[in-house]
C-alpha cells in the first residue's frame, strides 16, 4: 500500500494538463480561436449590449400615444412639469 502513496496528485496534474490542452487548442472553423478566446469575446459582446441598454434614457416618453397631448412644446412642458410634481 505504501508504494501508491501520492499517486492521486500525479493523476490530478495529468488531468489538468489535458484539460488545459483541450481549452487552449484551436477550434476548427473558428479561424484559430480557442475556447478561451470565444469566451472572452462573448463576455465582451454581452457587456457591450448591457452597457448600451443601461445608457438608454428611462424617461423617454412617446407623446403620440398619450391622449390629449399635442406636439406643441408648451404642452410638453406642462406634461413634464405635472410629472415632476
C-alpha atoms as a PDB file:
ATOM      1  CA  UNK A   1       0.000   0.000   0.000  1.00  0.00           C
ATOM      2  CA  UNK A   2       2.832   2.444   0.704  1.00  0.00           C
ATOM      3  CA  UNK A   3       4.060   2.199  -2.910  1.00  0.00           C
ATOM      4  CA  UNK A   4       0.955   4.026  -4.207  1.00  0.00           C
ATOM      5  CA  UNK A   5       1.212   6.975  -1.882  1.00  0.00           C
ATOM      6  CA  UNK A   6       0.900  10.351  -3.687  1.00  0.00           C
ATOM      7  CA  UNK A   7      -0.422   8.840  -6.921  1.00  0.00           C
ATOM      8  CA  UNK A   8      -3.583  10.993  -6.691  1.00  0.00           C
ATOM      9  CA  UNK A   9      -1.524  14.134  -7.167  1.00  0.00           C
ATOM     10  CA  UNK A  10       0.025  12.708 -10.336  1.00  0.00           C
ATOM     11  CA  UNK A  11      -3.429  11.881 -11.740  1.00  0.00           C
ATOM     12  CA  UNK A  12      -4.630  15.373 -10.843  1.00  0.00           C
ATOM     13  CA  UNK A  13      -1.692  17.012 -12.619  1.00  0.00           C
ATOM     14  CA  UNK A  14      -2.153  14.838 -15.722  1.00  0.00           C
ATOM     15  CA  UNK A  15      -5.853  15.711 -15.773  1.00  0.00           C
ATOM     16  CA  UNK A  16      -5.091  19.422 -15.509  1.00  0.00           C
ATOM     17  CA  UNK A  17      -2.597  19.204 -18.369  1.00  0.00           C
ATOM     18  CA  UNK A  18      -5.149  17.518 -20.642  1.00  0.00           C
ATOM     19  CA  UNK A  19      -7.851  19.987 -19.606  1.00  0.00           C
ATOM     20  CA  UNK A  20      -5.566  22.946 -20.371  1.00  0.00           C
ATOM     21  CA  UNK A  21      -4.644  21.435 -23.736  1.00  0.00           C
ATOM     22  CA  UNK A  22      -8.313  20.960 -24.610  1.00  0.00           C
ATOM     23  CA  UNK A  23      -9.199  24.549 -23.714  1.00  0.00           C
ATOM     24  CA  UNK A  24      -6.213  26.161 -25.405  1.00  0.00           C
ATOM     25  CA  UNK A  25      -6.305  24.076 -28.592  1.00  0.00           C
ATOM     26  CA  UNK A  26      -7.555  25.988 -31.646  1.00  0.00           C
ATOM     27  CA  UNK A  27     -11.034  25.018 -32.784  1.00  0.00           C
ATOM     28  CA  UNK A  28     -11.683  24.025 -36.393  1.00  0.00           C
ATOM     29  CA  UNK A  29     -13.725  26.537 -38.352  1.00  0.00           C
ATOM     30  CA  UNK A  30     -13.136  29.370 -35.869  1.00  0.00           C
ATOM     31  CA  UNK A  31     -10.075  30.946 -37.544  1.00  0.00           C
ATOM     32  CA  UNK A  32      -7.655  29.566 -34.983  1.00  0.00           C
ATOM     33  CA  UNK A  33      -9.586  30.778 -31.941  1.00  0.00           C
ATOM     34  CA  UNK A  34      -9.697  28.598 -28.856  1.00  0.00           C
ATOM     35  CA  UNK A  35     -12.365  28.214 -26.189  1.00  0.00           C
ATOM     36  CA  UNK A  36     -10.880  30.954 -24.008  1.00  0.00           C
ATOM     37  CA  UNK A  37     -10.881  33.452 -26.895  1.00  0.00           C
ATOM     38  CA  UNK A  38     -14.512  32.645 -27.693  1.00  0.00           C
ATOM     39  CA  UNK A  39     -15.496  33.008 -24.041  1.00  0.00           C
ATOM     40  CA  UNK A  40     -13.770  36.395 -23.723  1.00  0.00           C
ATOM     41  CA  UNK A  41     -15.379  37.577 -26.969  1.00  0.00           C
ATOM     42  CA  UNK A  42     -18.826  36.500 -25.766  1.00  0.00           C
ATOM     43  CA  UNK A  43     -18.426  38.283 -22.427  1.00  0.00           C
ATOM     44  CA  UNK A  44     -17.277  41.469 -24.191  1.00  0.00           C
ATOM     45  CA  UNK A  45     -20.280  41.417 -26.553  1.00  0.00           C
ATOM     46  CA  UNK A  46     -22.688  40.743 -23.696  1.00  0.00           C
ATOM     47  CA  UNK A  47     -21.200  43.551 -21.609  1.00  0.00           C
ATOM     48  CA  UNK A  48     -21.350  45.965 -24.543  1.00  0.00           C
ATOM     49  CA  UNK A  49     -25.041  45.142 -25.031  1.00  0.00           C
ATOM     50  CA  UNK A  50     -25.683  45.585 -21.312  1.00  0.00           C
ATOM     51  CA  UNK A  51     -23.935  48.962 -21.257  1.00  0.00           C
ATOM     52  CA  UNK A  52     -25.910  50.107 -24.316  1.00  0.00           C
ATOM     53  CA  UNK A  53     -29.182  49.138 -22.666  1.00  0.00           C
ATOM     54  CA  UNK A  54     -28.176  50.963 -19.474  1.00  0.00           C
ATOM     55  CA  UNK A  55     -27.350  54.108 -21.444  1.00  0.00           C
ATOM     56  CA  UNK A  56     -30.879  54.436 -22.803  1.00  0.00           C
ATOM     57  CA  UNK A  57     -32.952  57.041 -21.065  1.00  0.00           C
ATOM     58  CA  UNK A  58     -35.625  55.744 -18.744  1.00  0.00           C
ATOM     59  CA  UNK A  59     -37.581  58.972 -19.155  1.00  0.00           C
ATOM     60  CA  UNK A  60     -38.352  58.667 -22.869  1.00  0.00           C
ATOM     61  CA  UNK A  61     -41.991  59.484 -23.500  1.00  0.00           C
ATOM     62  CA  UNK A  62     -43.762  58.886 -26.776  1.00  0.00           C
ATOM     63  CA  UNK A  63     -46.217  61.779 -26.846  1.00  0.00           C
ATOM     64  CA  UNK A  64     -48.146  60.333 -29.764  1.00  0.00           C
ATOM     65  CA  UNK A  65     -49.626  57.602 -27.555  1.00  0.00           C
ATOM     66  CA  UNK A  66     -50.684  59.927 -24.698  1.00  0.00           C
ATOM     67  CA  UNK A  67     -54.250  61.168 -25.292  1.00  0.00           C
ATOM     68  CA  UNK A  68     -54.793  64.912 -25.169  1.00  0.00           C
ATOM     69  CA  UNK A  69     -51.159  65.856 -25.678  1.00  0.00           C
ATOM     70  CA  UNK A  70     -50.244  67.779 -28.804  1.00  0.00           C
ATOM     71  CA  UNK A  71     -46.790  68.017 -30.287  1.00  0.00           C
ATOM     72  CA  UNK A  72     -46.596  71.668 -29.196  1.00  0.00           C
ATOM     73  CA  UNK A  73     -43.610  72.364 -26.926  1.00  0.00           C
ATOM     74  CA  UNK A  74     -45.749  74.241 -24.381  1.00  0.00           C
ATOM     75  CA  UNK A  75     -47.991  71.228 -23.885  1.00  0.00           C
ATOM     76  CA  UNK A  76     -44.938  69.011 -23.468  1.00  0.00           C
ATOM     77  CA  UNK A  77     -43.505  71.353 -20.860  1.00  0.00           C
ATOM     78  CA  UNK A  78     -46.818  71.262 -18.961  1.00  0.00           C
ATOM     79  CA  UNK A  79     -46.827  67.469 -19.061  1.00  0.00           C
ATOM     80  CA  UNK A  80     -43.252  67.256 -17.786  1.00  0.00           C
ATOM     81  CA  UNK A  81     -43.994  69.798 -15.025  1.00  0.00           C
ATOM     82  CA  UNK A  82     -47.033  67.772 -13.993  1.00  0.00           C
ATOM     83  CA  UNK A  83     -44.988  64.530 -13.910  1.00  0.00           C
ATOM     84  CA  UNK A  84     -42.284  66.116 -11.738  1.00  0.00           C
ATOM     85  CA  UNK A  85     -44.827  67.237  -9.106  1.00  0.00           C
END
